[in-house]
Amino acid sequence: MNRRVFLSVVAVLAAALPALAADEAAQKPDAKKADGKKPRILYVTESKGFVHGAVRRQGQQLAPSEIAMKQLAQQTGEFTIDMTQDTASDFTKENLQNYDVVMFYTTLDLPIAKEDRDYFFNEWLKQPGHGFIGIHSATDTFHDYEPYWDMVGGTFISHPWSWQSKVNITIHDPDHPTMKPFGGKEVEWIDEIYQYTHLPNGELDPNNHWQPEKVHVLMSLDMAKTELKKPYHVPVAWVKNYGEGRVYYNNLGHNNETWTKKPFLDSILAGIKWVTGEVEGDATPNPEVSAKEEEKAKAAAGG
């Protein structure tokens, strides 16, 4: 792993988020927990399209979401993490042996060698205890590469709800470990929200990759309570099984402020525990939820 990305971490942590000691030892995998080794995460923040502020580095300093994840690892002691914006070097079969979870906040086609992509999808991710966590624009990645969009669950088409939008979100499975941090059956949030099925003109994209029959939807926009209404279902978070591995995706995370909010960070922590099998939660596909939300959205939008 290329370690140059860790330079100047202490100064950035002090400036961007609540202070936290950032000694060198905290950046390395440490001793075993009572029930085994801590999960090891490779957080990929490389962008080949739009570069979100949450993953934009300033010189040698880490980006806001990278700082937040490092702080989460240090404060909780629940996992270790490395960051990379160099998948050509770091996303390899050899290096993946060092990790249990791969986390993407990325855009478009990353320069990962075909043999390494094939290994990741056909072998690595299908192993028990391995998982993938996608944040925000992870669905704006590898649009035309079917193994990826089939795994992640959908592909970004547009975002009618901008980063300034205040939206109401329905939580369909409040008992799922990734949803418990939000504290109930609905939450109000300010963030950019993606849609996965319809073109900006409102027409259904015939090539959309949203597959409700393969995912367990956790969150959706509540069109009745959200100012900008669209007559179709807009999922926000979901989980799925992938072989014996697991996948958790959450659309939130565009805004830097989201990375300072405890419910969101606790949801990521719970996601790490869920994808590695430390905690359990339902991943049974629930296409009936999408169908119901589709009808509710049409009614709310007058469609």
Protein backbone atom coordinates (compact mmCIF):
# COMPACT_ATOMS: atom_id res chain seq x y z
CA MET A 1 0.00 0.00 0.00
CA ASN A 2 1.30 3.44 -0.85
CA ARG A 3 1.61 5.32 2.47
CA ARG A 4 2.16 8.79 1.07
CA VAL A 5 -1.53 9.58 1.55
CA PHE A 6 -1.11 9.68 5.31
CA LEU A 7 1.22 12.70 5.45
CA SER A 8 -0.04 15.77 7.35
CA VAL A 9 -2.93 13.84 8.90
CA VAL A 10 -2.53 15.31 12.37
CA ALA A 11 -2.88 18.92 11.19
CA VAL A 12 -5.92 18.15 9.07
CA LEU A 13 -7.70 16.25 11.82
CA ALA A 14 -7.20 19.13 14.20
CA ALA A 15 -8.55 21.68 11.74
CA ALA A 16 -11.45 19.83 10.18
CA LEU A 17 -13.04 17.73 12.93
CA PRO A 18 -12.98 17.49 16.74
CA ALA A 19 -9.45 16.95 18.02
CA LEU A 20 -8.17 13.43 18.32
CA ALA A 21 -4.71 12.05 18.93
CA ALA A 22 -3.37 10.66 15.67
CA ASP A 23 -0.20 8.78 16.53
CA GLU A 24 1.40 6.54 13.95
CA ALA A 25 0.43 3.35 15.74
CA ALA A 26 -3.25 4.16 15.31
CA GLN A 27 -2.82 4.02 11.55
CA LYS A 28 -1.67 0.39 11.55
CA PRO A 29 -3.62 -2.82 12.16
CA ASP A 30 -3.30 -3.52 15.88
CA ALA A 31 -3.93 -6.38 18.24
CA LYS A 32 -6.82 -8.80 18.04
CA LYS A 33 -10.17 -8.11 19.68
CA ALA A 34 -11.45 -10.77 22.03
CA ASP A 35 -13.47 -12.32 19.20
CA GLY A 36 -10.81 -12.03 16.50
CA LYS A 37 -8.99 -9.50 14.36
CA LYS A 38 -10.48 -6.11 13.67
CA PRO A 39 -11.92 -5.66 10.18
CA ARG A 40 -9.42 -4.09 7.79
CA ILE A 41 -10.85 -1.58 5.34
CA LEU A 42 -9.52 -0.25 2.05
CA TYR A 43 -11.27 3.09 1.45
CA VAL A 44 -11.07 4.05 -2.25
CA THR A 45 -11.68 7.74 -2.99
CA GLU A 46 -10.34 7.98 -6.53
CA SER A 47 -12.39 10.02 -9.01
CA LYS A 48 -12.22 9.82 -12.78
CA GLY A 49 -15.22 12.11 -13.24
CA PHE A 50 -16.61 14.73 -10.88
CA VAL A 51 -14.51 15.10 -7.72
CA HIS A 52 -16.75 15.60 -4.71
CA GLY A 53 -15.58 17.89 -1.94
CA ALA A 54 -15.82 15.03 0.54
CA VAL A 55 -13.01 13.18 -1.30
CA ARG A 56 -11.01 16.16 -2.59
CA ARG A 57 -7.56 16.32 -1.07
CA GLN A 58 -5.63 19.53 -0.61
CA GLY A 59 -2.05 18.69 -1.46
CA GLN A 60 -0.87 15.86 0.81
CA GLN A 61 -3.75 16.28 3.25
CA LEU A 62 -6.57 13.80 3.50
CA ALA A 63 -10.07 14.66 2.27
CA PRO A 64 -12.95 15.35 4.73
CA SER A 65 -14.51 11.89 4.40
CA GLU A 66 -11.10 10.24 4.78
CA ILE A 67 -10.45 12.24 7.94
CA ALA A 68 -13.87 11.26 9.26
CA MET A 69 -13.26 7.56 8.59
CA LYS A 70 -9.82 7.65 10.19
CA GLN A 71 -11.28 9.41 13.20
CA LEU A 72 -14.09 6.84 13.41
CA ALA A 73 -11.54 4.02 13.40
CA GLN A 74 -9.45 5.69 16.09
CA GLN A 75 -12.32 6.69 18.36
CA THR A 76 -14.15 3.38 18.26
CA GLY A 77 -11.23 0.98 17.95
CA GLU A 78 -13.53 -1.25 15.89
CA PHE A 79 -11.58 -1.38 12.62
CA THR A 80 -8.42 -0.28 10.86
CA ILE A 81 -8.40 1.65 7.59
CA ASP A 82 -6.15 2.63 4.70
CA MET A 83 -7.07 5.20 2.06
CA THR A 84 -6.09 5.25 -1.59
CA GLN A 85 -6.65 7.34 -4.69
CA ASP A 86 -4.39 5.03 -6.71
CA THR A 87 -6.37 1.91 -7.61
CA ALA A 88 -3.93 0.96 -10.35
CA SER A 89 -1.36 0.30 -7.63
CA ASP A 90 -3.48 -0.58 -4.63
CA PHE A 91 -6.57 -2.42 -5.92
CA THR A 92 -4.79 -5.66 -6.80
CA LYS A 93 -5.32 -9.32 -6.01
CA GLU A 94 -2.20 -9.27 -3.86
CA ASN A 95 -3.18 -6.18 -1.86
CA LEU A 96 -6.79 -7.25 -1.38
CA GLN A 97 -5.49 -10.07 0.82
CA ASN A 98 -4.83 -7.40 3.45
CA TYR A 99 -8.49 -6.36 3.73
CA ASP A 100 -11.94 -7.56 4.76
CA VAL A 101 -13.95 -4.60 3.45
CA VAL A 102 -13.63 -2.42 0.37
CA MET A 103 -15.35 0.96 0.58
CA PHE A 104 -15.89 3.14 -2.51
CA TYR A 105 -16.58 6.87 -2.80
CA THR A 106 -15.59 7.10 -6.46
CA THR A 107 -16.66 8.23 -9.93
CA LEU A 108 -16.59 6.67 -13.41
CA ASP A 109 -14.10 4.08 -14.66
CA LEU A 110 -11.23 3.42 -12.29
CA PRO A 111 -7.91 2.12 -13.70
CA ILE A 112 -8.20 -1.32 -12.13
CA ALA A 113 -6.65 -4.12 -14.16
CA LYS A 114 -9.14 -6.60 -15.62
CA GLU A 115 -7.63 -9.56 -13.81
CA ASP A 116 -7.93 -7.72 -10.50
CA ARG A 117 -11.55 -6.73 -11.20
CA ASP A 118 -12.37 -10.31 -12.12
CA TYR A 119 -10.78 -11.60 -8.95
CA PHE A 120 -12.66 -9.07 -6.81
CA PHE A 121 -16.10 -9.92 -8.20
CA ASN A 122 -15.66 -13.65 -8.81
CA GLU A 123 -13.72 -14.62 -5.71
CA TRP A 124 -12.83 -11.99 -3.11
CA LEU A 125 -16.24 -10.39 -2.52
CA LYS A 126 -18.07 -13.73 -2.48
CA GLN A 127 -16.13 -14.94 0.55
CA PRO A 128 -17.80 -14.95 3.99
CA GLY A 129 -16.61 -12.05 6.11
CA HIS A 130 -15.87 -9.88 3.09
CA GLY A 131 -17.97 -6.89 2.14
CA PHE A 132 -18.39 -3.82 -0.03
CA ILE A 133 -19.65 -0.45 1.24
CA GLY A 134 -20.63 2.14 -1.36
CA ILE A 135 -21.09 5.77 -0.43
CA HIS A 136 -22.86 8.39 -2.56
CA SER A 137 -21.17 8.36 -5.98
CA ALA A 138 -20.17 4.71 -5.72
CA THR A 139 -23.23 4.35 -7.96
CA ASP A 140 -21.69 6.88 -10.38
CA THR A 141 -18.88 4.43 -11.06
CA PHE A 142 -18.38 1.88 -13.86
CA HIS A 143 -21.68 2.74 -15.58
CA ASP A 144 -21.14 0.27 -18.40
CA TYR A 145 -19.43 -2.54 -16.51
CA GLU A 146 -22.18 -5.01 -15.62
CA PRO A 147 -20.40 -6.93 -12.85
CA TYR A 148 -20.04 -3.66 -10.96
CA TRP A 149 -23.50 -2.17 -11.38
CA ASP A 150 -25.08 -5.58 -10.78
CA MET A 151 -23.14 -5.79 -7.52
CA VAL A 152 -23.69 -2.25 -6.24
CA GLY A 153 -27.40 -2.32 -7.08
CA GLY A 154 -27.96 0.64 -9.40
CA THR A 155 -26.40 3.38 -11.50
CA PHE A 156 -26.70 7.13 -10.99
CA ILE A 157 -28.70 8.96 -13.67
CA SER A 158 -29.23 12.43 -12.19
CA HIS A 159 -29.79 14.31 -8.93
CA PRO A 160 -32.85 16.58 -8.98
CA TRP A 161 -32.36 17.03 -5.22
CA SER A 162 -29.24 19.19 -4.91
CA TRP A 163 -26.80 19.39 -2.02
CA GLN A 164 -28.95 22.13 -0.48
CA SER A 165 -32.14 20.10 -0.58
CA LYS A 166 -33.91 19.31 2.67
CA VAL A 167 -35.53 15.93 2.17
CA ASN A 168 -37.64 13.58 4.24
CA ILE A 169 -36.52 9.98 4.20
CA THR A 170 -38.60 6.95 5.10
CA ILE A 171 -36.74 4.17 6.92
CA HIS A 172 -38.30 0.87 5.91
CA ASP A 173 -36.31 -1.38 8.22
CA PRO A 174 -35.56 0.62 11.38
CA ASP A 175 -34.32 -2.51 13.15
CA HIS A 176 -31.57 -3.16 10.62
CA PRO A 177 -28.22 -2.38 12.30
CA THR A 178 -27.35 0.16 9.60
CA MET A 179 -30.62 2.03 10.20
CA LYS A 180 -30.85 2.00 14.00
CA PRO A 181 -28.55 5.06 14.29
CA PHE A 182 -31.18 7.21 12.53
CA GLY A 183 -33.55 6.61 15.42
CA GLY A 184 -36.92 5.72 13.99
CA LYS A 185 -39.01 5.32 10.88
CA GLU A 186 -38.14 8.63 9.23
CA VAL A 187 -35.42 11.26 9.22
CA GLU A 188 -35.01 14.75 7.77
CA TRP A 189 -31.69 15.36 6.02
CA ILE A 190 -29.92 17.94 3.86
CA ASP A 191 -27.89 16.29 1.12
CA GLU A 192 -27.76 15.56 -2.59
CA ILE A 193 -30.02 12.67 -3.59
CA TYR A 194 -29.56 10.51 -6.66
CA GLN A 195 -32.19 8.86 -8.82
CA TYR A 196 -31.56 5.59 -10.62
CA THR A 197 -34.50 4.95 -12.94
CA HIS A 198 -35.60 8.15 -14.70
CA LEU A 199 -33.90 10.60 -17.04
CA PRO A 200 -33.77 14.31 -16.14
CA ASN A 201 -36.79 14.91 -18.42
CA GLY A 202 -38.81 12.50 -16.31
CA GLU A 203 -38.89 9.65 -18.79
CA LEU A 204 -37.99 6.15 -17.66
CA ASP A 205 -34.45 5.29 -18.73
CA PRO A 206 -34.80 1.98 -20.61
CA ASN A 207 -31.21 1.15 -19.70
CA ASN A 208 -31.46 1.89 -15.99
CA HIS A 209 -29.73 -0.63 -13.75
CA TRP A 210 -31.98 -0.45 -10.69
CA GLN A 211 -32.98 -3.99 -9.73
CA PRO A 212 -35.42 -3.96 -6.78
CA GLU A 213 -35.74 -7.73 -7.02
CA LYS A 214 -32.09 -8.07 -5.92
CA VAL A 215 -31.85 -5.60 -3.02
CA HIS A 216 -33.29 -5.02 0.43
CA VAL A 217 -34.31 -1.35 0.41
CA LEU A 218 -33.63 0.39 3.71
CA MET A 219 -34.40 4.05 2.92
CA SER A 220 -36.44 5.96 0.34
CA LEU A 221 -37.43 9.55 -0.27
CA ASP A 222 -40.83 10.34 1.22
CA MET A 223 -42.33 12.25 -1.71
CA ALA A 224 -45.34 13.35 0.33
CA LYS A 225 -43.09 15.28 2.73
CA THR A 226 -40.27 16.31 0.37
CA GLU A 227 -40.70 19.65 -1.42
CA LEU A 228 -39.53 18.50 -4.87
CA LYS A 229 -41.85 15.66 -5.81
CA LYS A 230 -41.32 13.06 -8.52
CA PRO A 231 -43.84 10.35 -9.49
CA TYR A 232 -41.51 7.40 -8.93
CA HIS A 233 -39.62 5.60 -6.22
CA VAL A 234 -36.24 7.02 -5.21
CA PRO A 235 -34.31 4.60 -2.98
CA VAL A 236 -31.63 6.07 -0.73
CA ALA A 237 -29.98 3.07 0.94
CA TRP A 238 -30.04 -0.69 0.52
CA VAL A 239 -28.23 -3.92 1.32
CA LYS A 240 -27.81 -7.22 -0.49
CA ASN A 241 -25.97 -10.50 -0.28
CA TYR A 242 -23.28 -11.21 -2.85
CA GLY A 243 -22.33 -14.85 -2.77
CA GLU A 244 -21.33 -15.28 0.86
CA GLY A 245 -20.21 -11.64 1.01
CA ARG A 246 -22.38 -8.60 1.67
CA VAL A 247 -23.00 -5.15 0.18
CA TYR A 248 -24.24 -1.94 1.86
CA TYR A 249 -24.90 1.21 -0.15
CA ASN A 250 -25.92 4.64 1.17
CA ASN A 251 -26.59 7.62 -1.13
CA LEU A 252 -25.89 10.18 1.62
CA GLY A 253 -22.43 11.71 1.95
CA HIS A 254 -22.22 14.40 -0.74
CA ASN A 255 -22.04 17.20 1.82
CA ASN A 256 -19.00 17.54 4.05
CA GLU A 257 -21.37 18.22 6.93
CA THR A 258 -22.84 14.74 6.57
CA TRP A 259 -19.43 13.35 7.56
CA THR A 260 -19.68 15.13 10.92
CA LYS A 261 -23.12 13.71 11.80
CA LYS A 262 -23.23 10.90 14.32
CA PRO A 263 -26.18 8.97 12.79
CA PHE A 264 -24.43 8.75 9.42
CA LEU A 265 -21.06 7.74 10.88
CA ASP A 266 -22.70 5.23 13.21
CA SER A 267 -24.53 3.79 10.21
CA ILE A 268 -21.21 3.28 8.42
CA LEU A 269 -19.77 1.62 11.53
CA ALA A 270 -22.81 -0.65 11.70
CA GLY A 271 -22.39 -1.32 7.98
CA ILE A 272 -18.82 -2.49 8.58
CA LYS A 273 -20.03 -4.85 11.29
CA TRP A 274 -22.89 -6.09 9.12
CA VAL A 275 -20.92 -6.77 5.93
CA THR A 276 -18.27 -8.66 7.90
CA GLY A 277 -20.89 -10.75 9.69
CA GLU A 278 -20.25 -9.39 13.18
CA VAL A 279 -23.93 -8.40 13.44
CA GLU A 280 -26.96 -9.70 11.60
CA GLY A 281 -29.65 -7.88 9.64
CA ASP A 282 -32.13 -8.82 6.96
CA ALA A 283 -30.95 -8.67 3.34
CA THR A 284 -33.94 -10.43 1.80
CA PRO A 285 -34.92 -8.62 -1.43
CA ASN A 286 -38.09 -6.58 -0.87
CA PRO A 287 -39.34 -5.47 -4.31
CA GLU A 288 -42.78 -5.00 -2.78
CA VAL A 289 -41.38 -1.97 -0.91
CA SER A 290 -40.26 -0.39 -4.17
CA ALA A 291 -43.65 -1.10 -5.75
CA LYS A 292 -45.47 0.45 -2.81
CA GLU A 293 -43.19 3.50 -2.80
CA GLU A 294 -43.73 3.90 -6.54
CA GLU A 295 -47.48 4.16 -6.01
CA LYS A 296 -47.10 6.55 -3.08
CA ALA A 297 -44.78 8.78 -5.11
CA LYS A 298 -47.23 8.93 -8.00
CA ALA A 299 -50.01 9.96 -5.64
CA ALA A 300 -47.84 12.59 -3.91
CA ALA A 301 -46.69 14.09 -7.24
CA GLY A 302 -50.15 14.01 -8.75
CA GLY A 303 -48.97 11.60 -11.40
